[in-house]
């Protein structure tokens, strides 16, 4: 069965920083004009600064391997200031997406849609 992804792109891990909470990392991922800041618990971090990753956001479970980072949650909100900020919550950790265009419009997602996020090293 073929899965259609709302978003699938090869991206670059620009930075990994310590988060505000103990054992939490914030991974900055650049996907062309889109920037993602992903909260990751350090014990399950697969990311390396400067590394390439394939990122997928889908309403259907994507195929993945045990070496990938995958989570599921909900599109919580999208707000516009200088750019659009879209938040996806993974029941605690958050994915913050910054884009010049509405990410929900680009991906045809809506607030409160259930989504899967997966990243795999390329």
PDB file of N, CA and C in Angstrom:
ATOM      1  N   UNK A   1       0.838  -1.176   0.000  1.00  0.00           N
ATOM      2  CA  UNK A   1       0.000   0.000   0.000  1.00  0.00           C
ATOM      3  C   UNK A   1       0.886   1.243   0.000  1.00  0.00           C
ATOM      4  N   UNK A   2       0.600   2.174  -0.862  1.00  0.00           N
ATOM      5  CA  UNK A   2       1.380   3.397  -0.984  1.00  0.00           C
ATOM      6  C   UNK A   2       0.856   4.460  -0.024  1.00  0.00           C
ATOM      7  N   UNK A   3       1.785   5.125   0.659  1.00  0.00           N
ATOM      8  CA  UNK A   3       1.419   6.186   1.593  1.00  0.00           C
ATOM      9  C   UNK A   3       1.745   7.522   0.943  1.00  0.00           C
ATOM     10  N   UNK A   4       0.800   8.439   0.961  1.00  0.00           N
ATOM     11  CA  UNK A   4       1.027   9.781   0.456  1.00  0.00           C
ATOM     12  C   UNK A   4       1.423  10.672   1.622  1.00  0.00           C
ATOM     13  N   UNK A   5       2.580  11.330   1.502  1.00  0.00           N
ATOM     14  CA  UNK A   5       3.069  12.191   2.571  1.00  0.00           C
ATOM     15  C   UNK A   5       2.594  13.622   2.362  1.00  0.00           C
ATOM     16  N   UNK A   6       2.281  14.300   3.454  1.00  0.00           N
ATOM     17  CA  UNK A   6       1.949  15.709   3.378  1.00  0.00           C
ATOM     18  C   UNK A   6       3.218  16.537   3.163  1.00  0.00           C
ATOM     19  N   UNK A   7       4.344  16.054   3.715  1.00  0.00           N
ATOM     20  CA  UNK A   7       5.634  16.741   3.583  1.00  0.00           C
ATOM     21  C   UNK A   7       6.723  15.684   3.592  1.00  0.00           C
ATOM     22  N   UNK A   8       7.634  15.744   2.630  1.00  0.00           N
ATOM     23  CA  UNK A   8       8.770  14.824   2.579  1.00  0.00           C
ATOM     24  C   UNK A   8       9.914  15.561   1.899  1.00  0.00           C
ATOM     25  N   UNK A   9      11.016  15.746   2.637  1.00  0.00           N
ATOM     26  CA  UNK A   9      12.113  16.523   2.082  1.00  0.00           C
ATOM     27  C   UNK A   9      13.431  16.128   2.741  1.00  0.00           C
ATOM     28  N   UNK A  10      14.515  16.203   1.967  1.00  0.00           N
ATOM     29  CA  UNK A  10      15.844  16.016   2.537  1.00  0.00           C
ATOM     30  C   UNK A  10      16.276  17.336   3.152  1.00  0.00           C
ATOM     31  N   UNK A  11      16.749  17.272   4.387  1.00  0.00           N
ATOM     32  CA  UNK A  11      17.060  18.471   5.158  1.00  0.00           C
ATOM     33  C   UNK A  11      18.445  18.344   5.781  1.00  0.00           C
ATOM     34  N   UNK A  12      18.914  19.439   6.380  1.00  0.00           N
ATOM     35  CA  UNK A  12      20.216  19.470   7.047  1.00  0.00           C
ATOM     36  C   UNK A  12      20.036  19.797   8.520  1.00  0.00           C
ATOM     37  N   UNK A  13      20.716  19.047   9.376  1.00  0.00           N
ATOM     38  CA  UNK A  13      20.717  19.341  10.812  1.00  0.00           C
ATOM     39  C   UNK A  13      21.739  20.455  11.024  1.00  0.00           C
ATOM     40  N   UNK A  14      21.245  21.668  11.327  1.00  0.00           N
ATOM     41  CA  UNK A  14      22.141  22.813  11.477  1.00  0.00           C
ATOM     42  C   UNK A  14      22.784  22.884  12.850  1.00  0.00           C
ATOM     43  N   UNK A  15      22.001  22.598  13.892  1.00  0.00           N
ATOM     44  CA  UNK A  15      22.497  22.756  15.257  1.00  0.00           C
ATOM     45  C   UNK A  15      21.767  21.824  16.192  1.00  0.00           C
ATOM     46  N   UNK A  16      22.455  21.423  17.253  1.00  0.00           N
ATOM     47  CA  UNK A  16      21.829  20.684  18.351  1.00  0.00           C
ATOM     48  C   UNK A  16      22.217  21.407  19.632  1.00  0.00           C
ATOM     49  N   UNK A  17      21.212  21.868  20.368  1.00  0.00           N
ATOM     50  CA  UNK A  17      21.454  22.631  21.593  1.00  0.00           C
ATOM     51  C   UNK A  17      20.786  21.948  22.768  1.00  0.00           C
ATOM     52  N   UNK A  18      21.275  22.252  23.970  1.00  0.00           N
ATOM     53  CA  UNK A  18      20.610  21.769  25.178  1.00  0.00           C
ATOM     54  C   UNK A  18      19.301  22.517  25.340  1.00  0.00           C
ATOM     55  N   UNK A  19      18.255  21.791  25.697  1.00  0.00           N
ATOM     56  CA  UNK A  19      16.959  22.402  25.949  1.00  0.00           C
ATOM     57  C   UNK A  19      16.876  22.934  27.366  1.00  0.00           C
ATOM     58  N   UNK A  20      15.727  23.488  27.697  1.00  0.00           N
ATOM     59  CA  UNK A  20      15.508  24.050  29.032  1.00  0.00           C
ATOM     60  C   UNK A  20      15.373  22.965  30.097  1.00  0.00           C
ATOM     61  N   UNK A  21      14.864  21.812  29.721  1.00  0.00           N
ATOM     62  CA  UNK A  21      14.669  20.721  30.675  1.00  0.00           C
ATOM     63  C   UNK A  21      15.838  19.750  30.623  1.00  0.00           C
ATOM     64  N   UNK A  22      16.068  19.057  31.719  1.00  0.00           N
ATOM     65  CA  UNK A  22      17.160  18.089  31.803  1.00  0.00           C
ATOM     66  C   UNK A  22      16.977  16.991  30.757  1.00  0.00           C
ATOM     67  N   UNK A  23      18.055  16.618  30.111  1.00  0.00           N
ATOM     68  CA  UNK A  23      18.089  15.554  29.096  1.00  0.00           C
ATOM     69  C   UNK A  23      17.299  15.879  27.833  1.00  0.00           C
ATOM     70  N   UNK A  24      16.926  17.140  27.641  1.00  0.00           N
ATOM     71  CA  UNK A  24      16.191  17.530  26.438  1.00  0.00           C
ATOM     72  C   UNK A  24      17.126  18.287  25.501  1.00  0.00           C
ATOM     73  N   UNK A  25      17.084  17.931  24.224  1.00  0.00           N
ATOM     74  CA  UNK A  25      17.847  18.625  23.195  1.00  0.00           C
ATOM     75  C   UNK A  25      16.879  19.328  22.259  1.00  0.00           C
ATOM     76  N   UNK A  26      17.337  20.409  21.648  1.00  0.00           N
ATOM     77  CA  UNK A  26      16.573  21.075  20.595  1.00  0.00           C
ATOM     78  C   UNK A  26      17.399  20.944  19.320  1.00  0.00           C
ATOM     79  N   UNK A  27      16.836  20.254  18.339  1.00  0.00           N
ATOM     80  CA  UNK A  27      17.517  19.994  17.075  1.00  0.00           C
ATOM     81  C   UNK A  27      16.960  20.959  16.035  1.00  0.00           C
ATOM     82  N   UNK A  28      17.848  21.793  15.457  1.00  0.00           N
ATOM     83  CA  UNK A  28      17.429  22.736  14.414  1.00  0.00           C
ATOM     84  C   UNK A  28      17.694  22.096  13.059  1.00  0.00           C
ATOM     85  N   UNK A  29      16.609  21.919  12.293  1.00  0.00           N
ATOM     86  CA  UNK A  29      16.664  21.252  10.995  1.00  0.00           C
ATOM     87  C   UNK A  29      16.244  22.259   9.930  1.00  0.00           C
ATOM     88  N   UNK A  30      17.053  22.392   8.874  1.00  0.00           N
ATOM     89  CA  UNK A  30      16.758  23.335   7.795  1.00  0.00           C
ATOM     90  C   UNK A  30      16.351  22.553   6.555  1.00  0.00           C
ATOM     91  N   UNK A  31      15.145  22.869   6.057  1.00  0.00           N
ATOM     92  CA  UNK A  31      14.595  22.214   4.863  1.00  0.00           C
ATOM     93  C   UNK A  31      14.297  23.296   3.830  1.00  0.00           C
ATOM     94  N   UNK A  32      15.295  23.745   3.106  1.00  0.00           N
ATOM     95  CA  UNK A  32      15.088  24.841   2.165  1.00  0.00           C
ATOM     96  C   UNK A  32      14.681  26.095   2.914  1.00  0.00           C
ATOM     97  N   UNK A  33      13.500  26.625   2.613  1.00  0.00           N
ATOM     98  CA  UNK A  33      12.994  27.839   3.259  1.00  0.00           C
ATOM     99  C   UNK A  33      12.280  27.549   4.577  1.00  0.00           C
ATOM    100  N   UNK A  34      12.187  26.296   4.946  1.00  0.00           N
ATOM    101  CA  UNK A  34      11.474  25.894   6.168  1.00  0.00           C
ATOM    102  C   UNK A  34      12.493  25.500   7.234  1.00  0.00           C
ATOM    103  N   UNK A  35      12.285  26.014   8.456  1.00  0.00           N
ATOM    104  CA  UNK A  35      13.138  25.668   9.593  1.00  0.00           C
ATOM    105  C   UNK A  35      12.305  24.926  10.617  1.00  0.00           C
ATOM    106  N   UNK A  36      12.843  23.816  11.127  1.00  0.00           N
ATOM    107  CA  UNK A  36      12.161  23.032  12.157  1.00  0.00           C
ATOM    108  C   UNK A  36      13.028  22.997  13.409  1.00  0.00           C
ATOM    109  N   UNK A  37      12.421  23.228  14.564  1.00  0.00           N
ATOM    110  CA  UNK A  37      13.080  23.055  15.854  1.00  0.00           C
ATOM    111  C   UNK A  37      12.356  21.926  16.563  1.00  0.00           C
ATOM    112  N   UNK A  38      13.073  20.834  16.782  1.00  0.00           N
ATOM    113  CA  UNK A  38      12.487  19.612  17.313  1.00  0.00           C
ATOM    114  C   UNK A  38      13.033  19.319  18.699  1.00  0.00           C
ATOM    115  N   UNK A  39      12.139  19.134  19.672  1.00  0.00           N
ATOM    116  CA  UNK A  39      12.533  18.687  21.008  1.00  0.00           C
ATOM    117  C   UNK A  39      12.773  17.183  20.964  1.00  0.00           C
ATOM    118  N   UNK A  40      13.956  16.750  21.445  1.00  0.00           N
ATOM    119  CA  UNK A  40      14.301  15.329  21.461  1.00  0.00           C
ATOM    120  C   UNK A  40      14.945  14.995  22.806  1.00  0.00           C
ATOM    121  N   UNK A  41      14.506  13.918  23.417  1.00  0.00           N
ATOM    122  CA  UNK A  41      15.153  13.422  24.628  1.00  0.00           C
ATOM    123  C   UNK A  41      16.523  12.872  24.217  1.00  0.00           C
ATOM    124  N   UNK A  42      17.567  13.242  24.956  1.00  0.00           N
ATOM    125  CA  UNK A  42      18.941  12.909  24.548  1.00  0.00           C
ATOM    126  C   UNK A  42      19.170  11.405  24.368  1.00  0.00           C
ATOM    127  N   UNK A  43      18.489  10.571  25.135  1.00  0.00           N
ATOM    128  CA  UNK A  43      18.713   9.122  25.051  1.00  0.00           C
ATOM    129  C   UNK A  43      18.212   8.503  23.745  1.00  0.00           C
ATOM    130  N   UNK A  44      17.362   9.208  23.005  1.00  0.00           N
ATOM    131  CA  UNK A  44      16.870   8.670  21.726  1.00  0.00           C
ATOM    132  C   UNK A  44      17.273   9.547  20.537  1.00  0.00           C
ATOM    133  N   UNK A  45      18.245  10.420  20.743  1.00  0.00           N
ATOM    134  CA  UNK A  45      18.694  11.313  19.681  1.00  0.00           C
ATOM    135  C   UNK A  45      19.438  10.536  18.591  1.00  0.00           C
ATOM    136  N   UNK A  46      19.014  10.699  17.338  1.00  0.00           N
ATOM    137  CA  UNK A  46      19.696  10.073  16.199  1.00  0.00           C
ATOM    138  C   UNK A  46      20.429  11.113  15.353  1.00  0.00           C
ATOM    139  N   UNK A  47      20.293  12.393  15.706  1.00  0.00           N
ATOM    140  CA  UNK A  47      20.754  13.486  14.856  1.00  0.00           C
ATOM    141  C   UNK A  47      22.211  13.848  15.128  1.00  0.00           C
ATOM    142  N   UNK A  48      22.904  14.314  14.056  1.00  0.00           N
ATOM    143  CA  UNK A  48      24.281  14.793  14.157  1.00  0.00           C
ATOM    144  C   UNK A  48      24.353  16.142  13.449  1.00  0.00           C
ATOM    145  N   UNK A  49      25.029  17.107  14.088  1.00  0.00           N
ATOM    146  CA  UNK A  49      25.180  18.418  13.454  1.00  0.00           C
ATOM    147  C   UNK A  49      25.832  18.262  12.088  1.00  0.00           C
ATOM    148  N   UNK A  50      25.260  18.945  11.093  1.00  0.00           N
ATOM    149  CA  UNK A  50      25.763  18.876   9.728  1.00  0.00           C
ATOM    150  C   UNK A  50      25.246  17.683   8.946  1.00  0.00           C
ATOM    151  N   UNK A  51      24.551  16.770   9.607  1.00  0.00           N
ATOM    152  CA  UNK A  51      24.041  15.575   8.941  1.00  0.00           C
ATOM    153  C   UNK A  51      22.828  15.860   8.069  1.00  0.00           C
ATOM    154  N   UNK A  52      22.619  14.989   7.111  1.00  0.00           N
ATOM    155  CA  UNK A  52      21.438  15.067   6.237  1.00  0.00           C
ATOM    156  C   UNK A  52      20.388  14.095   6.749  1.00  0.00           C
ATOM    157  N   UNK A  53      19.141  14.543   6.764  1.00  0.00           N
ATOM    158  CA  UNK A  53      18.031  13.690   7.186  1.00  0.00           C
ATOM    159  C   UNK A  53      16.869  13.828   6.210  1.00  0.00           C
ATOM    160  N   UNK A  54      16.156  12.753   6.019  1.00  0.00           N
ATOM    161  CA  UNK A  54      14.900  12.776   5.268  1.00  0.00           C
ATOM    162  C   UNK A  54      13.804  12.968   6.301  1.00  0.00           C
ATOM    163  N   UNK A  55      13.034  14.056   6.196  1.00  0.00           N
ATOM    164  CA  UNK A  55      11.945  14.307   7.139  1.00  0.00           C
ATOM    165  C   UNK A  55      10.611  14.068   6.447  1.00  0.00           C
ATOM    166  N   UNK A  56       9.710  13.448   7.182  1.00  0.00           N
ATOM    167  CA  UNK A  56       8.379  13.124   6.669  1.00  0.00           C
ATOM    168  C   UNK A  56       7.345  13.560   7.695  1.00  0.00           C
ATOM    169  N   UNK A  57       6.317  14.233   7.219  1.00  0.00           N
ATOM    170  CA  UNK A  57       5.126  14.508   8.026  1.00  0.00           C
ATOM    171  C   UNK A  57       3.960  13.950   7.235  1.00  0.00           C
ATOM    172  N   UNK A  58       3.179  13.090   7.878  1.00  0.00           N
ATOM    173  CA  UNK A  58       2.123  12.369   7.178  1.00  0.00           C
ATOM    174  C   UNK A  58       0.939  12.122   8.104  1.00  0.00           C
ATOM    175  N   UNK A  59      -0.236  12.044   7.523  1.00  0.00           N
ATOM    176  CA  UNK A  59      -1.423  11.688   8.303  1.00  0.00           C
ATOM    177  C   UNK A  59      -1.579  10.177   8.408  1.00  0.00           C
ATOM    178  N   UNK A  60      -0.781   9.442   7.640  1.00  0.00           N
ATOM    179  CA  UNK A  60      -0.777   7.985   7.697  1.00  0.00           C
ATOM    180  C   UNK A  60       0.580   7.537   8.226  1.00  0.00           C
ATOM    181  N   UNK A  61       0.650   6.404   8.931  1.00  0.00           N
ATOM    182  CA  UNK A  61       1.948   5.942   9.432  1.00  0.00           C
ATOM    183  C   UNK A  61       2.908   5.670   8.271  1.00  0.00           C
ATOM    184  N   UNK A  62       4.071   6.326   8.259  1.00  0.00           N
ATOM    185  CA  UNK A  62       5.044   6.065   7.193  1.00  0.00           C
ATOM    186  C   UNK A  62       5.864   4.816   7.504  1.00  0.00           C
ATOM    187  N   UNK A  63       6.545   4.313   6.495  1.00  0.00           N
ATOM    188  CA  UNK A  63       7.478   3.214   6.728  1.00  0.00           C
ATOM    189  C   UNK A  63       8.701   3.786   7.428  1.00  0.00           C
ATOM    190  N   UNK A  64       9.256   3.023   8.371  1.00  0.00           N
ATOM    191  CA  UNK A  64      10.433   3.495   9.096  1.00  0.00           C
ATOM    192  C   UNK A  64      11.222   2.296   9.590  1.00  0.00           C
ATOM    193  N   UNK A  65      12.457   2.564  10.014  1.00  0.00           N
ATOM    194  CA  UNK A  65      13.319   1.509  10.553  1.00  0.00           C
ATOM    195  C   UNK A  65      13.608   1.805  12.020  1.00  0.00           C
ATOM    196  N   UNK A  66      14.163   0.843  12.749  1.00  0.00           N
ATOM    197  CA  UNK A  66      14.492   1.074  14.162  1.00  0.00           C
ATOM    198  C   UNK A  66      15.529   2.191  14.369  1.00  0.00           C
ATOM    199  N   UNK A  67      16.267   2.556  13.309  1.00  0.00           N
ATOM    200  CA  UNK A  67      17.279   3.609  13.410  1.00  0.00           C
ATOM    201  C   UNK A  67      16.712   5.011  13.190  1.00  0.00           C
ATOM    202  N   UNK A  68      15.437   5.121  12.837  1.00  0.00           N
ATOM    203  CA  UNK A  68      14.805   6.412  12.568  1.00  0.00           C
ATOM    204  C   UNK A  68      14.229   7.016  13.843  1.00  0.00           C
ATOM    205  N   UNK A  69      14.003   8.329  13.806  1.00  0.00           N
ATOM    206  CA  UNK A  69      13.270   8.998  14.879  1.00  0.00           C
ATOM    207  C   UNK A  69      11.850   9.199  14.376  1.00  0.00           C
ATOM    208  N   UNK A  70      10.876   8.655  15.083  1.00  0.00           N
ATOM    209  CA  UNK A  70       9.474   8.822  14.704  1.00  0.00           C
ATOM    210  C   UNK A  70       8.648   9.174  15.934  1.00  0.00           C
ATOM    211  N   UNK A  71       7.643   9.999  15.713  1.00  0.00           N
ATOM    212  CA  UNK A  71       6.722  10.390  16.777  1.00  0.00           C
ATOM    213  C   UNK A  71       5.372  10.671  16.132  1.00  0.00           C
ATOM    214  N   UNK A  72       4.335  10.674  16.951  1.00  0.00           N
ATOM    215  CA  UNK A  72       3.034  11.074  16.429  1.00  0.00           C
ATOM    216  C   UNK A  72       2.396  12.028  17.420  1.00  0.00           C
ATOM    217  N   UNK A  73       1.546  12.890  16.891  1.00  0.00           N
ATOM    218  CA  UNK A  73       0.903  13.889  17.739  1.00  0.00           C
ATOM    219  C   UNK A  73      -0.090  14.690  16.926  1.00  0.00           C
ATOM    220  N   UNK A  74      -0.299  15.922  17.345  1.00  0.00           N
ATOM    221  CA  UNK A  74      -1.336  16.756  16.739  1.00  0.00           C
ATOM    222  C   UNK A  74      -0.800  18.122  16.339  1.00  0.00           C
ATOM    223  N   UNK A  75      -1.308  18.633  15.214  1.00  0.00           N
ATOM    224  CA  UNK A  75      -1.055  20.022  14.838  1.00  0.00           C
ATOM    225  C   UNK A  75      -1.822  20.867  15.842  1.00  0.00           C
ATOM    226  N   UNK A  76      -1.109  21.655  16.644  1.00  0.00           N
ATOM    227  CA  UNK A  76      -1.737  22.392  17.737  1.00  0.00           C
ATOM    228  C   UNK A  76      -2.190  23.776  17.292  1.00  0.00           C
ATOM    229  N   UNK A  77      -1.322  24.489  16.594  1.00  0.00           N
ATOM    230  CA  UNK A  77      -1.663  25.858  16.206  1.00  0.00           C
ATOM    231  C   UNK A  77      -0.763  26.323  15.076  1.00  0.00           C
ATOM    232  N   UNK A  78      -1.199  27.372  14.409  1.00  0.00           N
ATOM    233  CA  UNK A  78      -0.351  28.080  13.455  1.00  0.00           C
ATOM    234  C   UNK A  78      -0.630  29.558  13.640  1.00  0.00           C
ATOM    235  N   UNK A  79       0.448  30.330  13.843  1.00  0.00           N
ATOM    236  CA  UNK A  79       0.315  31.775  14.037  1.00  0.00           C
ATOM    237  C   UNK A  79       1.253  32.484  13.086  1.00  0.00           C
ATOM    238  N   UNK A  80       0.889  33.730  12.772  1.00  0.00           N
ATOM    239  CA  UNK A  80       1.740  34.517  11.892  1.00  0.00           C
ATOM    240  C   UNK A  80       2.227  35.752  12.620  1.00  0.00           C
ATOM    241  N   UNK A  81       3.552  35.926  12.603  1.00  0.00           N
ATOM    242  CA  UNK A  81       4.174  37.174  13.058  1.00  0.00           C
ATOM    243  C   UNK A  81       4.994  37.656  11.868  1.00  0.00           C
ATOM    244  N   UNK A  82       6.319  37.623  11.962  1.00  0.00           N
ATOM    245  CA  UNK A  82       7.148  37.926  10.791  1.00  0.00           C
ATOM    246  C   UNK A  82       7.085  36.777   9.791  1.00  0.00           C
ATOM    247  N   UNK A  83       6.899  35.571  10.327  1.00  0.00           N
ATOM    248  CA  UNK A  83       6.742  34.372   9.503  1.00  0.00           C
ATOM    249  C   UNK A  83       5.658  33.515  10.149  1.00  0.00           C
ATOM    250  N   UNK A  84       5.319  32.425   9.500  1.00  0.00           N
ATOM    251  CA  UNK A  84       4.343  31.500  10.077  1.00  0.00           C
ATOM    252  C   UNK A  84       5.061  30.560  11.039  1.00  0.00           C
ATOM    253  N   UNK A  85       4.471  30.330  12.206  1.00  0.00           N
ATOM    254  CA  UNK A  85       4.978  29.369  13.176  1.00  0.00           C
ATOM    255  C   UNK A  85       3.886  28.325  13.377  1.00  0.00           C
ATOM    256  N   UNK A  86       4.208  27.085  13.049  1.00  0.00           N
ATOM    257  CA  UNK A  86       3.275  25.973  13.207  1.00  0.00           C
ATOM    258  C   UNK A  86       3.812  25.067  14.305  1.00  0.00           C
ATOM    259  N   UNK A  87       2.956  24.700  15.257  1.00  0.00           N
ATOM    260  CA  UNK A  87       3.365  23.824  16.353  1.00  0.00           C
ATOM    261  C   UNK A  87       2.689  22.469  16.223  1.00  0.00           C
ATOM    262  N   UNK A  88       3.494  21.416  16.325  1.00  0.00           N
ATOM    263  CA  UNK A  88       2.991  20.052  16.389  1.00  0.00           C
ATOM    264  C   UNK A  88       3.456  19.481  17.722  1.00  0.00           C
ATOM    265  N   UNK A  89       2.522  19.010  18.530  1.00  0.00           N
ATOM    266  CA  UNK A  89       2.843  18.464  19.846  1.00  0.00           C
ATOM    267  C   UNK A  89       2.862  16.946  19.780  1.00  0.00           C
ATOM    268  N   UNK A  90       3.930  16.377  20.340  1.00  0.00           N
ATOM    269  CA  UNK A  90       4.065  14.922  20.443  1.00  0.00           C
ATOM    270  C   UNK A  90       3.842  14.501  21.891  1.00  0.00           C
ATOM    271  N   UNK A  91       2.755  14.960  22.474  1.00  0.00           N
ATOM    272  CA  UNK A  91       2.393  14.609  23.854  1.00  0.00           C
ATOM    273  C   UNK A  91       3.496  15.015  24.831  1.00  0.00           C
ATOM    274  N   UNK A  92       4.049  16.184  24.644  1.00  0.00           N
ATOM    275  CA  UNK A  92       5.124  16.725  25.483  1.00  0.00           C
ATOM    276  C   UNK A  92       6.140  17.426  24.606  1.00  0.00           C
ATOM    277  N   UNK A  93       7.037  16.664  23.955  1.00  0.00           N
ATOM    278  CA  UNK A  93       7.973  17.307  23.031  1.00  0.00           C
ATOM    279  C   UNK A  93       7.213  17.992  21.891  1.00  0.00           C
ATOM    280  N   UNK A  94       7.829  19.041  21.343  1.00  0.00           N
ATOM    281  CA  UNK A  94       7.155  19.864  20.338  1.00  0.00           C
ATOM    282  C   UNK A  94       8.042  20.004  19.105  1.00  0.00           C
ATOM    283  N   UNK A  95       7.403  20.082  17.943  1.00  0.00           N
ATOM    284  CA  UNK A  95       8.061  20.435  16.692  1.00  0.00           C
ATOM    285  C   UNK A  95       7.562  21.821  16.310  1.00  0.00           C
ATOM    286  N   UNK A  96       8.494  22.805  16.223  1.00  0.00           N
ATOM    287  CA  UNK A  96       8.153  24.169  15.823  1.00  0.00           C
ATOM    288  C   UNK A  96       8.616  24.365  14.386  1.00  0.00           C
ATOM    289  N   UNK A  97       7.691  24.698  13.517  1.00  0.00           N
ATOM    290  CA  UNK A  97       8.012  24.862  12.102  1.00  0.00           C
ATOM    291  C   UNK A  97       7.859  26.333  11.749  1.00  0.00           C
ATOM    292  N   UNK A  98       8.920  26.921  11.213  1.00  0.00           N
ATOM    293  CA  UNK A  98       8.911  28.327  10.810  1.00  0.00           C
ATOM    294  C   UNK A  98       9.012  28.383   9.291  1.00  0.00           C
ATOM    295  N   UNK A  99       8.076  29.111   8.670  1.00  0.00           N
ATOM    296  CA  UNK A  99       8.054  29.189   7.211  1.00  0.00           C
ATOM    297  C   UNK A  99       7.470  30.530   6.771  1.00  0.00           C
ATOM    298  N   UNK A 100       7.838  30.959   5.574  1.00  0.00           N
ATOM    299  CA  UNK A 100       7.302  32.212   5.035  1.00  0.00           C
ATOM    300  C   UNK A 100       5.866  32.042   4.557  1.00  0.00           C
ATOM    301  N   UNK A 101       5.524  30.850   4.092  1.00  0.00           N
ATOM    302  CA  UNK A 101       4.154  30.530   3.697  1.00  0.00           C
ATOM    303  C   UNK A 101       3.520  29.676   4.786  1.00  0.00           C
ATOM    304  N   UNK A 102       2.215  29.655   4.820  1.00  0.00           N
ATOM    305  CA  UNK A 102       1.494  28.843   5.801  1.00  0.00           C
ATOM    306  C   UNK A 102       1.825  27.363   5.597  1.00  0.00           C
ATOM    307  N   UNK A 103       2.443  26.736   6.612  1.00  0.00           N
ATOM    308  CA  UNK A 103       2.791  25.319   6.510  1.00  0.00           C
ATOM    309  C   UNK A 103       1.534  24.459   6.404  1.00  0.00           C
ATOM    310  N   UNK A 104       0.469  24.852   7.105  1.00  0.00           N
ATOM    311  CA  UNK A 104      -0.770  24.070   7.020  1.00  0.00           C
ATOM    312  C   UNK A 104      -1.362  24.149   5.613  1.00  0.00           C
ATOM    313  N   UNK A 105      -1.209  25.284   4.972  1.00  0.00           N
ATOM    314  CA  UNK A 105      -1.716  25.414   3.602  1.00  0.00           C
ATOM    315  C   UNK A 105      -0.851  24.607   2.630  1.00  0.00           C
ATOM    316  N   UNK A 106       0.473  24.682   2.801  1.00  0.00           N
ATOM    317  CA  UNK A 106       1.400  23.941   1.932  1.00  0.00           C
ATOM    318  C   UNK A 106       1.131  22.438   2.018  1.00  0.00           C
ATOM    319  N   UNK A 107       0.877  21.950   3.232  1.00  0.00           N
ATOM    320  CA  UNK A 107       0.747  20.510   3.470  1.00  0.00           C
ATOM    321  C   UNK A 107      -0.694  20.019   3.516  1.00  0.00           C
ATOM    322  N   UNK A 108      -1.643  20.937   3.394  1.00  0.00           N
ATOM    323  CA  UNK A 108      -3.074  20.615   3.469  1.00  0.00           C
ATOM    324  C   UNK A 108      -3.437  19.975   4.807  1.00  0.00           C
ATOM    325  N   UNK A 109      -2.779  20.446   5.870  1.00  0.00           N
ATOM    326  CA  UNK A 109      -3.109  20.004   7.224  1.00  0.00           C
ATOM    327  C   UNK A 109      -3.962  21.060   7.904  1.00  0.00           C
ATOM    328  N   UNK A 110      -4.657  20.643   8.960  1.00  0.00           N
ATOM    329  CA  UNK A 110      -5.482  21.560   9.743  1.00  0.00           C
ATOM    330  C   UNK A 110      -5.124  21.402  11.217  1.00  0.00           C
ATOM    331  N   UNK A 111      -5.406  22.447  11.984  1.00  0.00           N
ATOM    332  CA  UNK A 111      -5.222  22.364  13.428  1.00  0.00           C
ATOM    333  C   UNK A 111      -6.044  21.190  13.948  1.00  0.00           C
ATOM    334  N   UNK A 112      -5.445  20.409  14.834  1.00  0.00           N
ATOM    335  CA  UNK A 112      -5.996  19.200  15.456  1.00  0.00           C
ATOM    336  C   UNK A 112      -5.942  17.962  14.563  1.00  0.00           C
ATOM    337  N   UNK A 113      -5.294  18.043  13.398  1.00  0.00           N
ATOM    338  CA  UNK A 113      -5.037  16.834  12.609  1.00  0.00           C
ATOM    339  C   UNK A 113      -4.002  15.978  13.335  1.00  0.00           C
ATOM    340  N   UNK A 114      -4.211  14.673  13.350  1.00  0.00           N
ATOM    341  CA  UNK A 114      -3.245  13.723  13.906  1.00  0.00           C
ATOM    342  C   UNK A 114      -2.199  13.461  12.831  1.00  0.00           C
ATOM    343  N   UNK A 115      -0.905  13.607  13.186  1.00  0.00           N
ATOM    344  CA  UNK A 115       0.162  13.438  12.205  1.00  0.00           C
ATOM    345  C   UNK A 115       1.291  12.576  12.761  1.00  0.00           C
ATOM    346  N   UNK A 116       2.064  12.035  11.838  1.00  0.00           N
ATOM    347  CA  UNK A 116       3.280  11.290  12.148  1.00  0.00           C
ATOM    348  C   UNK A 116       4.457  12.102  11.624  1.00  0.00           C
ATOM    349  N   UNK A 117       5.531  12.139  12.408  1.00  0.00           N
ATOM    350  CA  UNK A 117       6.770  12.798  11.999  1.00  0.00           C
ATOM    351  C   UNK A 117       7.879  11.761  12.075  1.00  0.00           C
ATOM    352  N   UNK A 118       8.603  11.583  10.988  1.00  0.00           N
ATOM    353  CA  UNK A 118       9.744  10.668  10.993  1.00  0.00           C
ATOM    354  C   UNK A 118      10.939  11.358  10.351  1.00  0.00           C
ATOM    355  N   UNK A 119      12.107  11.063  10.889  1.00  0.00           N
ATOM    356  CA  UNK A 119      13.361  11.562  10.330  1.00  0.00           C
ATOM    357  C   UNK A 119      14.338  10.399  10.281  1.00  0.00           C
ATOM    358  N   UNK A 120      15.000  10.265   9.142  1.00  0.00           N
ATOM    359  CA  UNK A 120      15.991   9.199   8.999  1.00  0.00           C
ATOM    360  C   UNK A 120      17.269   9.797   8.425  1.00  0.00           C
ATOM    361  N   UNK A 121      18.398   9.322   8.924  1.00  0.00           N
ATOM    362  CA  UNK A 121      19.685   9.795   8.416  1.00  0.00           C
ATOM    363  C   UNK A 121      19.865   9.330   6.980  1.00  0.00           C
ATOM    364  N   UNK A 122      20.385  10.236   6.152  1.00  0.00           N
ATOM    365  CA  UNK A 122      20.588   9.943   4.729  1.00  0.00           C
ATOM    366  C   UNK A 122      22.038   9.585   4.509  1.00  0.00           C
TER     367      UNK A 122
END
